[in-house]
Structure formats: structure tokens, C-alpha cells
């Protein structure tokens, strides 16, 4: 029974990660539209933050360029490598 519960929890976690990645990409696209920047790197950004819920939450909360400028160094690293490609 424990194995079934553990397997179920892993499947649920993987599904949630995919859902959050979609939310993250949508948030990025909204940020891009609001701030007149290209949405092209949004899928890369969503992938970069997908494994870190705190980083993803921070990315999804960005609304203005000032928010981005005041973001953590970790978030800048996750975003900047996508923009520079």
C-alpha cells in the first residue's frame, strides 16, 4: 500500500510541475506584453524556474520592469541565460 501511495504522490507532483510550468510561461507572456518586451524566451524561462517552486513563484509575481530589476540574483540568472541565447 505504501508503494501505491508513494507512486501516486510522485505522479501528482510531476503533474503539478507541468501545470506550474504552463502558469509560469503564461505569466511570462503577460509580463512581456505589459512591458513591451519579446515573449520569445518565455518557454525557456518557464523551464529554468520549473524545478524551484520559490523561484517560480517569484517569477510569476513579476509585473513591472521595476519588479524584475529588484528580483533575486537567482531569478536573474534563470531569466538572463534565456534572454541572452
N, C-alpha and C. Protein backbone atom coordinates (compact mmCIF):
# COMPACT_ATOMS: atom_id res chain seq x y z
N UNK A 1 0.82 -1.19 0.00
CA UNK A 1 0.00 0.00 0.00
C UNK A 1 0.87 1.26 0.00
N UNK A 2 1.98 1.23 0.77
CA UNK A 2 2.87 2.39 0.80
C UNK A 2 3.41 2.71 -0.58
N UNK A 3 3.77 1.66 -1.34
CA UNK A 3 4.32 1.87 -2.68
C UNK A 3 3.31 2.56 -3.58
N UNK A 4 2.04 2.19 -3.45
CA UNK A 4 0.98 2.80 -4.26
C UNK A 4 0.84 4.28 -3.90
N UNK A 5 0.88 4.59 -2.61
CA UNK A 5 0.76 5.98 -2.17
C UNK A 5 1.94 6.82 -2.63
N UNK A 6 3.15 6.25 -2.52
CA UNK A 6 4.35 6.97 -2.95
C UNK A 6 4.30 7.20 -4.46
N UNK A 7 3.93 6.19 -5.21
CA UNK A 7 3.83 6.33 -6.67
C UNK A 7 2.79 7.38 -7.03
N UNK A 8 1.67 7.37 -6.34
CA UNK A 8 0.62 8.35 -6.60
C UNK A 8 1.10 9.76 -6.29
N UNK A 9 1.82 9.92 -5.21
CA UNK A 9 2.35 11.24 -4.85
C UNK A 9 3.35 11.73 -5.88
N UNK A 10 4.18 10.83 -6.41
CA UNK A 10 5.15 11.22 -7.42
C UNK A 10 4.46 11.65 -8.70
N UNK A 11 3.44 10.92 -9.11
CA UNK A 11 2.69 11.28 -10.31
C UNK A 11 2.02 12.64 -10.12
N UNK A 12 1.43 12.85 -8.95
CA UNK A 12 0.78 14.13 -8.67
C UNK A 12 1.80 15.27 -8.70
N UNK A 13 2.96 15.05 -8.13
CA UNK A 13 3.99 16.08 -8.11
C UNK A 13 4.45 16.42 -9.52
N UNK A 14 4.64 15.42 -10.34
CA UNK A 14 5.06 15.66 -11.72
C UNK A 14 3.98 16.40 -12.48
N UNK A 15 2.74 16.06 -12.27
CA UNK A 15 1.63 16.75 -12.93
C UNK A 15 1.55 18.19 -12.50
N UNK A 16 1.75 18.46 -11.22
CA UNK A 16 1.71 19.83 -10.71
C UNK A 16 2.85 20.64 -11.30
N UNK A 17 4.01 20.04 -11.43
CA UNK A 17 5.14 20.74 -12.02
C UNK A 17 4.84 21.18 -13.45
N UNK A 18 4.21 20.32 -14.21
CA UNK A 18 3.84 20.67 -15.58
C UNK A 18 2.81 21.79 -15.59
N UNK A 19 1.85 21.73 -14.68
CA UNK A 19 0.83 22.77 -14.60
C UNK A 19 1.46 24.10 -14.23
N UNK A 20 2.37 24.10 -13.24
CA UNK A 20 3.03 25.33 -12.84
C UNK A 20 3.90 25.88 -13.97
N UNK A 21 4.52 25.00 -14.74
CA UNK A 21 5.34 25.46 -15.86
C UNK A 21 4.48 26.21 -16.86
N UNK A 22 3.28 25.71 -17.11
CA UNK A 22 2.34 26.40 -18.00
C UNK A 22 1.93 27.74 -17.44
N UNK A 23 1.69 27.79 -16.12
CA UNK A 23 1.34 29.04 -15.46
C UNK A 23 2.51 30.01 -15.54
N UNK A 24 3.70 29.50 -15.36
CA UNK A 24 4.89 30.33 -15.40
C UNK A 24 5.09 30.92 -16.79
N UNK A 25 4.87 30.12 -17.80
CA UNK A 25 5.01 30.62 -19.18
C UNK A 25 3.94 31.67 -19.47
N UNK A 26 2.72 31.43 -19.01
CA UNK A 26 1.64 32.40 -19.21
C UNK A 26 1.94 33.71 -18.49
N UNK A 27 2.49 33.61 -17.27
CA UNK A 27 2.86 34.82 -16.52
C UNK A 27 3.96 35.58 -17.25
N UNK A 28 4.89 34.85 -17.81
CA UNK A 28 5.97 35.48 -18.57
C UNK A 28 5.42 36.20 -19.80
N UNK A 29 4.51 35.55 -20.51
CA UNK A 29 3.92 36.16 -21.70
C UNK A 29 3.13 37.42 -21.34
N UNK A 30 2.44 37.38 -20.20
CA UNK A 30 1.71 38.56 -19.74
C UNK A 30 2.69 39.69 -19.38
N UNK A 31 3.78 39.33 -18.69
CA UNK A 31 4.82 40.31 -18.36
C UNK A 31 5.36 40.93 -19.64
N UNK A 32 5.65 40.10 -20.63
CA UNK A 32 6.21 40.59 -21.89
C UNK A 32 5.26 41.57 -22.57
N UNK A 33 3.98 41.23 -22.61
CA UNK A 33 3.00 42.11 -23.25
C UNK A 33 2.86 43.43 -22.49
N UNK A 34 2.84 43.35 -21.18
CA UNK A 34 2.68 44.54 -20.35
C UNK A 34 3.88 45.47 -20.45
N UNK A 35 5.07 44.90 -20.61
CA UNK A 35 6.30 45.68 -20.59
C UNK A 35 6.93 45.86 -21.96
N UNK A 36 6.20 45.49 -23.01
CA UNK A 36 6.64 45.67 -24.39
C UNK A 36 8.01 45.05 -24.64
N UNK A 37 8.15 43.78 -24.19
CA UNK A 37 9.35 43.00 -24.48
C UNK A 37 8.92 41.71 -25.19
N UNK A 38 9.87 41.06 -25.81
CA UNK A 38 9.57 39.85 -26.57
C UNK A 38 9.19 38.68 -25.65
N UNK A 39 8.12 37.96 -26.01
CA UNK A 39 7.74 36.76 -25.25
C UNK A 39 8.52 35.52 -25.69
N UNK A 40 9.40 35.67 -26.66
CA UNK A 40 10.12 34.53 -27.23
C UNK A 40 10.83 33.66 -26.20
N UNK A 41 11.52 34.24 -25.19
CA UNK A 41 12.23 33.38 -24.23
C UNK A 41 11.34 32.78 -23.13
N UNK A 42 10.03 32.98 -23.19
CA UNK A 42 9.16 32.56 -22.09
C UNK A 42 9.19 31.05 -21.82
N UNK A 43 9.26 30.24 -22.85
CA UNK A 43 9.30 28.80 -22.59
C UNK A 43 10.60 28.41 -21.91
N UNK A 44 11.69 29.03 -22.30
CA UNK A 44 12.99 28.77 -21.65
C UNK A 44 12.94 29.22 -20.19
N UNK A 45 12.36 30.37 -19.94
CA UNK A 45 12.26 30.88 -18.57
C UNK A 45 11.42 29.95 -17.73
N UNK A 46 10.29 29.51 -18.27
CA UNK A 46 9.42 28.59 -17.52
C UNK A 46 10.16 27.31 -17.18
N UNK A 47 10.95 26.80 -18.10
CA UNK A 47 11.74 25.59 -17.84
C UNK A 47 12.82 25.86 -16.80
N UNK A 48 13.42 27.04 -16.84
CA UNK A 48 14.50 27.38 -15.90
C UNK A 48 14.05 27.45 -14.46
N UNK A 49 12.81 27.86 -14.24
CA UNK A 49 12.32 28.02 -12.87
C UNK A 49 11.46 26.84 -12.42
N UNK A 50 11.18 25.91 -13.31
CA UNK A 50 10.23 24.82 -13.03
C UNK A 50 10.62 23.94 -11.85
N UNK A 51 11.90 23.75 -11.62
CA UNK A 51 12.33 22.84 -10.55
C UNK A 51 12.48 23.51 -9.19
N UNK A 52 12.21 24.80 -9.13
CA UNK A 52 12.36 25.55 -7.88
C UNK A 52 11.08 26.33 -7.61
N UNK A 53 10.19 25.80 -6.75
CA UNK A 53 8.91 26.45 -6.51
C UNK A 53 9.02 27.90 -6.04
N UNK A 54 10.03 28.21 -5.22
CA UNK A 54 10.20 29.59 -4.75
C UNK A 54 10.59 30.52 -5.89
N UNK A 55 11.49 30.05 -6.73
CA UNK A 55 11.92 30.83 -7.88
C UNK A 55 10.77 31.02 -8.85
N UNK A 56 10.01 29.97 -9.05
CA UNK A 56 8.86 30.04 -9.94
C UNK A 56 7.82 31.02 -9.41
N UNK A 57 7.58 30.98 -8.13
CA UNK A 57 6.62 31.91 -7.52
C UNK A 57 7.09 33.35 -7.70
N UNK A 58 8.39 33.57 -7.50
CA UNK A 58 8.94 34.91 -7.68
C UNK A 58 8.79 35.37 -9.13
N UNK A 59 9.06 34.48 -10.07
CA UNK A 59 8.95 34.82 -11.49
C UNK A 59 7.51 35.14 -11.85
N UNK A 60 6.59 34.36 -11.34
CA UNK A 60 5.18 34.57 -11.67
C UNK A 60 4.62 35.86 -11.06
N UNK A 61 5.29 36.40 -10.05
CA UNK A 61 4.83 37.63 -9.39
C UNK A 61 5.35 38.89 -10.10
N UNK A 62 6.24 38.74 -11.06
CA UNK A 62 6.77 39.91 -11.76
C UNK A 62 5.67 40.57 -12.58
N UNK A 63 5.52 41.87 -12.40
CA UNK A 63 4.51 42.61 -13.16
C UNK A 63 5.17 43.74 -13.95
N UNK A 64 6.09 44.45 -13.32
CA UNK A 64 6.73 45.59 -13.96
C UNK A 64 8.22 45.34 -14.14
N UNK A 65 8.85 46.18 -14.95
CA UNK A 65 10.30 46.09 -15.12
C UNK A 65 10.99 46.38 -13.79
N UNK A 66 10.41 47.23 -12.98
CA UNK A 66 10.99 47.50 -11.66
C UNK A 66 10.98 46.24 -10.80
N UNK A 67 9.90 45.45 -10.89
CA UNK A 67 9.85 44.17 -10.18
C UNK A 67 11.02 43.29 -10.63
N UNK A 68 11.23 43.24 -11.94
CA UNK A 68 12.33 42.42 -12.48
C UNK A 68 13.68 42.94 -11.99
N UNK A 69 13.87 44.25 -12.02
CA UNK A 69 15.13 44.84 -11.58
C UNK A 69 15.41 44.54 -10.11
N UNK A 70 14.36 44.43 -9.31
CA UNK A 70 14.51 44.17 -7.87
C UNK A 70 14.44 42.69 -7.52
N UNK A 71 14.37 41.82 -8.51
CA UNK A 71 14.27 40.38 -8.29
C UNK A 71 15.60 39.83 -7.76
N UNK A 72 15.53 38.63 -7.22
CA UNK A 72 16.72 38.00 -6.66
C UNK A 72 17.76 37.69 -7.75
N UNK A 73 18.99 37.53 -7.30
CA UNK A 73 20.07 37.17 -8.22
C UNK A 73 19.79 35.82 -8.87
N UNK A 74 19.20 34.90 -8.12
CA UNK A 74 18.88 33.58 -8.67
C UNK A 74 17.88 33.68 -9.81
N UNK A 75 16.89 34.55 -9.65
CA UNK A 75 15.90 34.71 -10.72
C UNK A 75 16.54 35.38 -11.93
N UNK A 76 17.39 36.35 -11.69
CA UNK A 76 18.11 36.99 -12.80
C UNK A 76 18.92 35.96 -13.57
N UNK A 77 19.60 35.07 -12.87
CA UNK A 77 20.37 34.02 -13.53
C UNK A 77 19.48 33.13 -14.38
N UNK A 78 18.32 32.77 -13.84
CA UNK A 78 17.39 31.88 -14.55
C UNK A 78 16.83 32.55 -15.81
N UNK A 79 16.58 33.83 -15.72
CA UNK A 79 15.99 34.56 -16.84
C UNK A 79 17.06 34.99 -17.83
N UNK A 80 18.14 35.54 -17.35
CA UNK A 80 19.15 36.14 -18.22
C UNK A 80 19.74 35.14 -19.22
N UNK A 81 19.96 33.91 -18.78
CA UNK A 81 20.55 32.97 -19.75
C UNK A 81 19.57 32.66 -20.88
N UNK A 82 18.27 32.80 -20.63
CA UNK A 82 17.27 32.58 -21.69
C UNK A 82 17.20 33.77 -22.65
N UNK A 83 17.37 34.94 -22.11
CA UNK A 83 17.28 36.15 -22.93
C UNK A 83 18.53 36.33 -23.79
N UNK A 84 19.65 35.87 -23.29
CA UNK A 84 20.92 36.05 -24.00
C UNK A 84 21.15 35.02 -25.08
N UNK A 85 20.33 33.98 -25.14
CA UNK A 85 20.54 32.92 -26.15
C UNK A 85 20.24 33.42 -27.54
